[in-house]
Amino acid sequence: MPKLRISLGNIDDETLYESKHIALKDVEIRTPSKSLDLSKFIGPLKPPETIRGINEVYRRLSPDAVRSIMSNPSDRSFDSKINSQLNKAKDAEINLFFFEYLSPQLPAGQELEFICDTIHSYSDVVTIPKIYHMEQQIAQQPGYFDAYKKFVNDFIAEIETLNNKSIMGMFPPITWIQFKELANFYLDKGITTFCIDFNGRTPTTIEKRNIRPFLKEIKNRGLEEEHLVYGLNANAGKIAKETGVVPAKDIISFGFGVDILGLKHLALKGPQEMYERMKEAKKGKKVMRVFDREDYVYKDIDLLTEEAKEFIGRAGFDFSMLQKAPSHVLDNIRHVINMDEHGLESKNIVSMLDNQEPLFEYLNTKSGVAKKDLESMRKSKEAMG
């Protein structure tokens, strides 16, 4: 498998929205783009052909599970689940495999080799593993960040013993100065493809600390036209009390330098009272929270309305079946709808960039995009020159 080839396309004048061409063998993808979780597409649920191109597989394992798979030839469920998802991918697509190690203890020795071999086997781009609860470990253990850097260095060294793929550097939730240090660490190794783990926070929050200095370092090294940023675990934001909708801060990560919006694998966090209020608000109703690309918000729609028919129909699901669908099926449909809508909006942005339409003015018409976030985009662009 050859390495990624990245080239810069059209650039917005007032924000960091830009289009890129990603080529891998005979596959070519345009960004901004949304990655897909093909495990959600079951039966009649199929992604529109226009949004296909990048697939994300995400798996978690504890140290005990890693050791079991390493030594037990009958333990095949881990591989089977990955293969069942990848079997839905097409030849002209890029598959990214992300692995989360469910322990703050950094893997070493044979466990590190096993994780390297697993990621290399399943991913078209080699991704650095995500470490469980790393943010807390850095705060509580002096020297943990240095140990993490050694782990990343060992991982890259192990991969490079036999490798013909690009490596994607991982930025976990770390401090501003650690982010800069890790950026230089990756760049010194010639790595120009990156994943930023937002860890359930909004991209607009992280941008104020980390992304802009990182992009400035990219510029200082003259790598503006050959780097790629993947956003993982981005959160949309909090519900607005006055409107009852959630501003879609995840999709606007494109305006802060993210090229590909990945999936979110973290559950909603909050006090028990919050869950009780949400449960009470939905009592007696059949509702689904979906991304509305007209306003850039997530809103609840009543599944018995004409509006719901439009969303459900675009996802390829028979609306009449909703009356019998259990809650887990409805949740799956919600995931599919939101992936579809994100993907369609990403393609719309690519088209606008191609036609040199001003993105700042376009976003200014979206009720879910805050003026302060728009100004922050503009300032980030000015900082890049």
Protein backbone atom coordinates (compact mmCIF):
# COMPACT_ATOMS: atom_id res chain seq x y z
CA MET A 1 0.00 0.00 0.00
CA PRO A 2 1.57 3.33 -1.06
CA LYS A 3 1.60 6.42 1.13
CA LEU A 4 -0.95 9.21 1.06
CA ARG A 5 -0.44 12.01 -1.44
CA ILE A 6 -1.94 15.31 -0.32
CA SER A 7 -2.29 18.45 -2.42
CA LEU A 8 -3.98 21.74 -1.68
CA GLY A 9 -6.94 22.89 -3.73
CA ASN A 10 -9.07 25.99 -3.23
CA ILE A 11 -8.83 28.20 -0.13
CA ASP A 12 -11.44 30.43 1.49
CA ASP A 13 -10.33 34.05 1.90
CA GLU A 14 -11.63 34.67 5.44
CA THR A 15 -11.52 31.28 7.20
CA LEU A 16 -9.39 28.14 7.29
CA TYR A 17 -11.87 26.26 5.10
CA GLU A 18 -9.91 24.76 2.24
CA SER A 19 -10.19 21.86 -0.17
CA LYS A 20 -7.55 19.18 -0.51
CA HIS A 21 -7.02 16.23 -2.81
CA ILE A 22 -6.11 13.01 -0.99
CA ALA A 23 -4.78 10.25 -3.19
CA LEU A 24 -3.94 6.70 -2.16
CA LYS A 25 -3.11 4.31 -4.98
CA ASP A 26 -6.12 4.67 -7.33
CA VAL A 27 -8.36 6.32 -4.70
CA GLU A 28 -8.89 10.08 -4.70
CA ILE A 29 -10.96 11.97 -2.13
CA ARG A 30 -11.80 15.63 -1.77
CA THR A 31 -11.97 17.41 1.55
CA PRO A 32 -13.66 18.74 3.64
CA SER A 33 -15.06 15.28 4.18
CA LYS A 34 -16.97 13.21 6.73
CA SER A 35 -15.87 9.70 7.61
CA LEU A 36 -18.47 6.94 7.86
CA ASP A 37 -19.14 4.15 10.34
CA LEU A 38 -20.24 1.40 7.98
CA SER A 39 -21.39 -0.81 10.87
CA LYS A 40 -24.44 1.47 11.15
CA PHE A 41 -25.50 0.80 7.56
CA ILE A 42 -27.62 -2.33 7.87
CA GLY A 43 -30.23 -3.69 5.47
CA PRO A 44 -31.91 -0.83 3.60
CA LEU A 45 -29.73 1.77 5.31
CA LYS A 46 -27.10 2.67 2.72
CA PRO A 47 -24.88 5.79 2.55
CA PRO A 48 -25.39 7.97 -0.54
CA GLU A 49 -22.69 7.23 -3.10
CA THR A 50 -21.75 10.92 -3.20
CA ILE A 51 -20.54 10.97 0.42
CA ARG A 52 -18.59 7.72 0.42
CA GLY A 53 -14.80 7.72 0.47
CA ILE A 54 -13.44 7.50 4.04
CA ASN A 55 -14.46 4.85 6.57
CA GLU A 56 -13.59 4.76 10.26
CA VAL A 57 -13.31 1.62 12.39
CA TYR A 58 -12.83 2.12 16.13
CA ARG A 59 -12.15 -0.66 18.63
CA ARG A 60 -11.23 -0.79 22.32
CA LEU A 61 -9.32 -3.51 24.17
CA SER A 62 -8.14 -3.92 27.76
CA PRO A 63 -4.63 -5.28 28.43
CA ASP A 64 -6.16 -8.63 29.46
CA ALA A 65 -8.11 -8.80 26.19
CA VAL A 66 -4.97 -7.99 24.20
CA ARG A 67 -3.07 -10.79 25.91
CA SER A 68 -5.96 -13.21 25.34
CA ILE A 69 -6.13 -12.52 21.60
CA MET A 70 -2.34 -12.76 21.35
CA SER A 71 -2.24 -16.24 22.87
CA ASN A 72 -5.65 -17.82 22.23
CA PRO A 73 -6.17 -18.96 18.62
CA SER A 74 -9.91 -19.47 19.20
CA ASP A 75 -10.47 -15.87 20.28
CA ARG A 76 -11.59 -14.46 16.92
CA SER A 77 -14.46 -12.15 17.80
CA PHE A 78 -12.25 -9.03 17.75
CA ASP A 79 -11.09 -9.65 14.19
CA SER A 80 -14.54 -10.78 13.07
CA LYS A 81 -16.14 -7.50 14.13
CA ILE A 82 -13.52 -5.48 12.29
CA ASN A 83 -13.81 -7.58 9.15
CA SER A 84 -17.62 -7.43 9.17
CA GLN A 85 -17.36 -3.65 8.98
CA LEU A 86 -14.54 -3.51 6.43
CA ASN A 87 -16.42 -5.95 4.20
CA LYS A 88 -18.96 -3.18 3.59
CA ALA A 89 -16.26 -0.85 2.25
CA LYS A 90 -15.63 -0.46 -1.47
CA ASP A 91 -12.30 -0.73 -3.27
CA ALA A 92 -12.10 2.99 -4.05
CA GLU A 93 -12.26 4.03 -0.38
CA ILE A 94 -9.80 4.71 2.44
CA ASN A 95 -10.24 2.75 5.68
CA LEU A 96 -8.87 4.14 8.94
CA PHE A 97 -8.60 1.91 12.01
CA PHE A 98 -8.36 3.55 15.44
CA PHE A 99 -7.41 1.50 18.49
CA GLU A 100 -8.02 2.52 22.11
CA TYR A 101 -5.96 0.81 24.80
CA LEU A 102 -8.21 0.59 27.86
CA SER A 103 -5.54 1.26 30.44
CA PRO A 104 -3.43 4.28 31.39
CA GLN A 105 -0.47 1.89 31.56
CA LEU A 106 1.38 2.37 28.28
CA PRO A 107 1.74 -0.86 26.26
CA ALA A 108 5.25 -2.20 25.71
CA GLY A 109 7.03 -5.33 24.54
CA GLN A 110 4.92 -7.94 22.78
CA GLU A 111 1.69 -6.05 23.49
CA LEU A 112 3.09 -3.03 21.64
CA GLU A 113 4.14 -5.27 18.74
CA PHE A 114 0.67 -6.85 18.61
CA ILE A 115 -1.06 -3.47 18.55
CA CYS A 116 1.31 -2.25 15.81
CA ASP A 117 0.65 -5.34 13.69
CA THR A 118 -3.11 -5.07 14.22
CA ILE A 119 -3.35 -1.41 13.24
CA HIS A 120 -1.01 -1.89 10.27
CA SER A 121 -3.08 -4.85 9.06
CA TYR A 122 -6.46 -3.10 9.14
CA SER A 123 -5.72 0.56 8.43
CA ASP A 124 -4.69 2.17 5.14
CA VAL A 125 -2.91 4.80 7.26
CA VAL A 126 -1.12 3.73 10.46
CA THR A 127 -2.76 5.50 13.40
CA ILE A 128 -1.15 6.02 16.82
CA PRO A 129 -3.21 4.24 19.53
CA LYS A 130 -5.44 6.22 21.88
CA ILE A 131 -4.64 5.72 25.58
CA TYR A 132 -7.52 5.51 28.06
CA HIS A 133 -7.86 8.43 30.53
CA MET A 134 -4.54 9.89 29.45
CA GLU A 135 -5.57 13.43 30.37
CA GLN A 136 -5.99 12.47 34.04
CA GLN A 137 -2.67 10.62 34.09
CA ILE A 138 -0.79 13.64 32.78
CA ALA A 139 -2.36 15.80 35.49
CA GLN A 140 -1.68 13.30 38.28
CA GLN A 141 1.65 11.72 37.34
CA PRO A 142 4.77 13.87 36.81
CA GLY A 143 6.70 12.52 33.87
CA TYR A 144 3.73 10.72 32.28
CA PHE A 145 3.82 12.91 29.17
CA ASP A 146 7.51 12.10 28.64
CA ALA A 147 6.66 8.41 29.04
CA TYR A 148 3.89 8.83 26.48
CA LYS A 149 6.30 10.42 24.01
CA LYS A 150 8.65 7.45 24.48
CA PHE A 151 5.75 5.09 23.83
CA VAL A 152 4.88 6.96 20.61
CA ASN A 153 8.54 6.88 19.56
CA ASP A 154 8.71 3.13 20.25
CA PHE A 155 5.46 2.58 18.33
CA ILE A 156 6.76 4.45 15.29
CA ALA A 157 10.09 2.61 15.45
CA GLU A 158 8.28 -0.74 15.56
CA ILE A 159 6.02 0.22 12.64
CA GLU A 160 8.95 1.41 10.55
CA THR A 161 10.73 -1.95 10.81
CA LEU A 162 8.41 -3.04 7.99
CA ASN A 163 6.16 -0.29 6.68
CA ASN A 164 4.99 1.17 3.40
CA LYS A 165 2.13 3.27 4.73
CA SER A 166 1.75 6.84 5.95
CA ILE A 167 1.68 7.34 9.73
CA MET A 168 -0.98 9.50 11.36
CA GLY A 169 0.26 11.25 14.49
CA MET A 170 -2.22 11.35 17.39
CA PHE A 171 -2.79 14.46 19.51
CA PRO A 172 -4.52 13.36 22.73
CA PRO A 173 -6.10 15.89 25.12
CA ILE A 174 -2.96 17.65 26.40
CA THR A 175 -1.84 21.12 27.40
CA TRP A 176 -0.92 23.87 24.97
CA ILE A 177 2.84 23.51 25.50
CA GLN A 178 2.66 19.71 25.28
CA PHE A 179 0.67 20.03 22.04
CA LYS A 180 3.44 22.18 20.54
CA GLU A 181 6.11 19.79 21.77
CA LEU A 182 4.33 16.77 20.27
CA ALA A 183 3.74 18.64 17.00
CA ASN A 184 7.46 19.31 16.61
CA PHE A 185 8.18 15.70 17.57
CA TYR A 186 5.97 14.42 14.72
CA LEU A 187 7.14 16.99 12.19
CA ASP A 188 10.80 16.22 12.93
CA LYS A 189 10.00 12.61 11.99
CA GLY A 190 8.49 13.69 8.68
CA ILE A 191 4.89 12.97 9.75
CA THR A 192 2.40 15.40 8.19
CA THR A 193 -0.89 13.52 8.71
CA PHE A 194 -2.49 14.06 12.10
CA CYS A 195 -5.49 13.12 14.24
CA ILE A 196 -6.72 15.52 16.93
CA ASP A 197 -8.70 13.74 19.64
CA PHE A 198 -11.16 16.36 20.90
CA ASN A 199 -12.13 13.92 23.67
CA GLY A 200 -15.75 15.06 23.78
CA ARG A 201 -15.03 18.78 23.68
CA THR A 202 -15.96 21.23 20.97
CA PRO A 203 -13.37 22.13 18.30
CA THR A 204 -13.97 25.81 19.03
CA THR A 205 -12.76 25.30 22.60
CA ILE A 206 -9.59 23.43 21.63
CA GLU A 207 -8.81 25.90 18.83
CA LYS A 208 -8.25 28.70 21.32
CA ARG A 209 -5.43 26.71 22.92
CA ASN A 210 -3.88 24.32 20.47
CA ILE A 211 -4.88 24.20 16.83
CA ARG A 212 -3.79 27.68 15.79
CA PRO A 213 -0.21 27.39 17.20
CA PHE A 214 0.02 23.96 15.58
CA LEU A 215 -1.02 25.31 12.18
CA LYS A 216 1.44 28.18 12.56
CA GLU A 217 4.22 25.62 13.02
CA ILE A 218 2.99 23.87 9.87
CA LYS A 219 3.29 27.20 8.05
CA ASN A 220 6.75 27.92 9.47
CA ARG A 221 7.95 24.64 7.98
CA GLY A 222 6.30 25.31 4.61
CA LEU A 223 3.95 22.33 4.90
CA GLU A 224 0.63 24.13 4.31
CA GLU A 225 0.04 22.26 1.06
CA GLU A 226 0.85 18.73 2.23
CA HIS A 227 -0.58 18.22 5.71
CA LEU A 228 -3.88 16.63 6.72
CA VAL A 229 -5.89 16.95 9.97
CA TYR A 230 -8.47 14.40 11.12
CA GLY A 231 -10.87 15.34 13.93
CA LEU A 232 -11.92 12.55 16.33
CA ASN A 233 -14.49 12.63 19.17
CA ALA A 234 -15.63 16.18 18.45
CA ASN A 235 -18.62 17.34 20.47
CA ALA A 236 -21.42 19.47 19.04
CA GLY A 237 -21.87 21.61 22.15
CA LYS A 238 -24.53 22.30 24.76
CA ILE A 239 -28.22 22.76 24.23
CA ALA A 240 -29.29 26.41 23.96
CA LYS A 241 -31.92 27.10 26.62
CA GLU A 242 -33.64 29.80 24.62
CA THR A 243 -34.12 27.69 21.47
CA GLY A 244 -33.97 24.10 22.71
CA VAL A 245 -31.50 23.14 19.97
CA VAL A 246 -27.79 22.28 20.04
CA PRO A 247 -25.47 24.50 17.95
CA ALA A 248 -23.47 22.21 15.65
CA LYS A 249 -19.93 23.12 16.68
CA ASP A 250 -18.55 19.81 15.40
CA ILE A 251 -19.25 20.47 11.71
CA ILE A 252 -17.60 23.91 11.84
CA SER A 253 -14.29 22.29 12.81
CA PHE A 254 -13.55 22.59 9.07
CA GLY A 255 -13.24 26.33 9.61
CA PHE A 256 -10.50 25.78 12.20
CA GLY A 257 -8.19 23.63 10.10
CA VAL A 258 -9.77 20.16 10.29
CA ASP A 259 -9.94 18.40 6.92
CA ILE A 260 -11.88 15.26 7.84
CA LEU A 261 -14.52 15.04 10.55
CA GLY A 262 -14.36 11.64 12.21
CA LEU A 263 -16.80 9.92 14.53
CA LYS A 264 -17.61 10.48 18.19
CA HIS A 265 -17.20 7.46 20.45
CA LEU A 266 -17.85 9.06 23.83
CA ALA A 267 -21.16 8.97 25.64
CA LEU A 268 -22.87 12.18 26.69
CA LYS A 269 -21.59 13.25 30.11
CA GLY A 270 -23.55 15.13 32.74
CA PRO A 271 -25.25 14.94 36.15
CA GLN A 272 -28.06 12.47 36.79
CA GLU A 273 -30.58 15.32 36.91
CA MET A 274 -29.76 16.15 33.28
CA TYR A 275 -30.60 12.62 32.15
CA GLU A 276 -33.82 12.71 34.15
CA ARG A 277 -34.87 15.98 32.50
CA MET A 278 -34.10 14.58 29.05
CA LYS A 279 -36.11 11.45 29.80
CA GLU A 280 -39.06 13.46 31.08
CA ALA A 281 -39.02 15.78 28.06
CA LYS A 282 -39.32 12.80 25.70
CA LYS A 283 -41.98 11.00 27.72
CA GLY A 284 -44.84 9.87 25.51
CA LYS A 285 -43.05 11.04 22.38
CA LYS A 286 -41.09 9.34 19.64
CA VAL A 287 -38.34 11.81 18.84
CA MET A 288 -34.90 11.76 17.28
CA ARG A 289 -32.12 14.37 17.46
CA VAL A 290 -30.78 15.09 13.99
CA PHE A 291 -28.38 17.52 12.34
CA ASP A 292 -30.19 20.23 10.36
CA ARG A 293 -27.79 21.59 7.77
CA GLU A 294 -30.07 24.49 6.95
CA ASP A 295 -29.46 26.04 10.37
CA TYR A 296 -26.36 24.10 11.57
CA VAL A 297 -28.13 22.82 14.69
CA TYR A 298 -29.10 19.48 16.19
CA LYS A 299 -32.80 19.43 16.89
CA ASP A 300 -35.38 16.93 18.07
CA ILE A 301 -37.90 15.91 15.43
CA ASP A 302 -41.16 14.12 16.09
CA LEU A 303 -41.07 10.88 14.15
CA LEU A 304 -44.75 11.19 13.31
CA THR A 305 -44.36 14.38 11.29
CA GLU A 306 -43.78 15.16 7.63
CA GLU A 307 -40.38 16.67 8.52
CA ALA A 308 -39.32 13.32 9.92
CA LYS A 309 -40.42 11.60 6.71
CA GLU A 310 -37.98 13.74 4.74
CA PHE A 311 -35.02 12.92 7.00
CA ILE A 312 -35.88 9.21 7.23
CA GLY A 313 -36.41 8.93 3.49
CA ARG A 314 -33.00 10.41 2.71
CA ALA A 315 -31.44 7.74 4.92
CA GLY A 316 -33.11 5.03 2.83
CA PHE A 317 -35.41 3.77 5.58
CA ASP A 318 -39.09 2.96 5.12
CA PHE A 319 -40.94 5.52 7.23
CA SER A 320 -43.88 3.16 7.84
CA MET A 321 -41.60 0.77 9.73
CA LEU A 322 -40.86 3.35 12.44
CA GLN A 323 -44.01 2.41 14.32
CA LYS A 324 -42.58 -1.06 14.98
CA ALA A 325 -38.91 -0.14 15.27
CA PRO A 326 -37.33 -0.74 18.73
CA SER A 327 -35.26 1.99 20.36
CA HIS A 328 -31.89 0.52 19.32
CA VAL A 329 -32.98 0.55 15.68
CA LEU A 330 -34.14 4.15 15.97
CA ASP A 331 -30.77 5.08 17.45
CA ASN A 332 -29.02 3.38 14.54
CA ILE A 333 -31.18 5.33 12.08
CA ARG A 334 -30.29 8.55 13.90
CA HIS A 335 -26.58 7.82 13.46
CA VAL A 336 -27.10 7.14 9.77
CA ILE A 337 -29.13 10.30 9.23
CA ASN A 338 -26.51 12.48 10.90
CA MET A 339 -23.64 10.87 8.98
CA ASP A 340 -25.58 11.40 5.75
CA GLU A 341 -26.34 15.04 6.56
CA HIS A 342 -22.74 15.75 7.60
CA GLY A 343 -21.49 14.11 4.42
CA LEU A 344 -23.88 16.01 2.16
CA GLU A 345 -22.96 19.31 3.80
CA SER A 346 -19.25 18.51 3.41
CA LYS A 347 -19.78 18.00 -0.32
CA ASN A 348 -21.67 21.28 -0.46
CA ILE A 349 -18.70 23.06 1.11
CA VAL A 350 -16.33 21.48 -1.43
CA SER A 351 -18.57 22.79 -4.21
CA MET A 352 -18.63 26.28 -2.67
CA LEU A 353 -14.83 26.30 -2.44
CA ASP A 354 -14.57 25.19 -6.06
CA ASN A 355 -16.87 28.04 -7.10
CA GLN A 356 -15.03 30.52 -4.82
CA GLU A 357 -18.19 31.33 -2.87
CA PRO A 358 -17.43 33.10 0.46
CA LEU A 359 -17.81 30.66 3.34
CA PHE A 360 -17.83 33.38 5.99
CA GLU A 361 -20.99 34.92 4.55
CA TYR A 362 -22.58 31.50 4.13
CA LEU A 363 -21.93 30.52 7.77
CA ASN A 364 -23.21 33.89 8.93
CA THR A 365 -26.67 32.85 7.72
CA LYS A 366 -26.69 29.79 9.99
CA SER A 367 -28.49 30.35 13.28
CA GLY A 368 -26.40 27.63 14.93
CA VAL A 369 -23.07 29.33 14.20
CA ALA A 370 -22.16 31.83 16.92
CA LYS A 371 -20.75 35.21 15.90
CA LYS A 372 -17.82 34.71 18.29
CA ASP A 373 -16.92 31.46 16.54
CA LEU A 374 -17.02 33.18 13.16
CA GLU A 375 -14.71 35.90 14.44
CA SER A 376 -12.42 33.26 15.91
CA MET A 377 -12.24 31.62 12.46
CA ARG A 378 -11.34 34.95 10.92
CA LYS A 379 -8.61 35.59 13.51
CA SER A 380 -7.16 32.12 12.95
CA LYS A 381 -6.98 32.84 9.24
CA GLU A 382 -5.29 36.19 9.84
CA ALA A 383 -2.73 34.52 12.13
CA MET A 384 -1.81 32.13 9.32
CA GLY A 385 -1.22 35.05 6.95
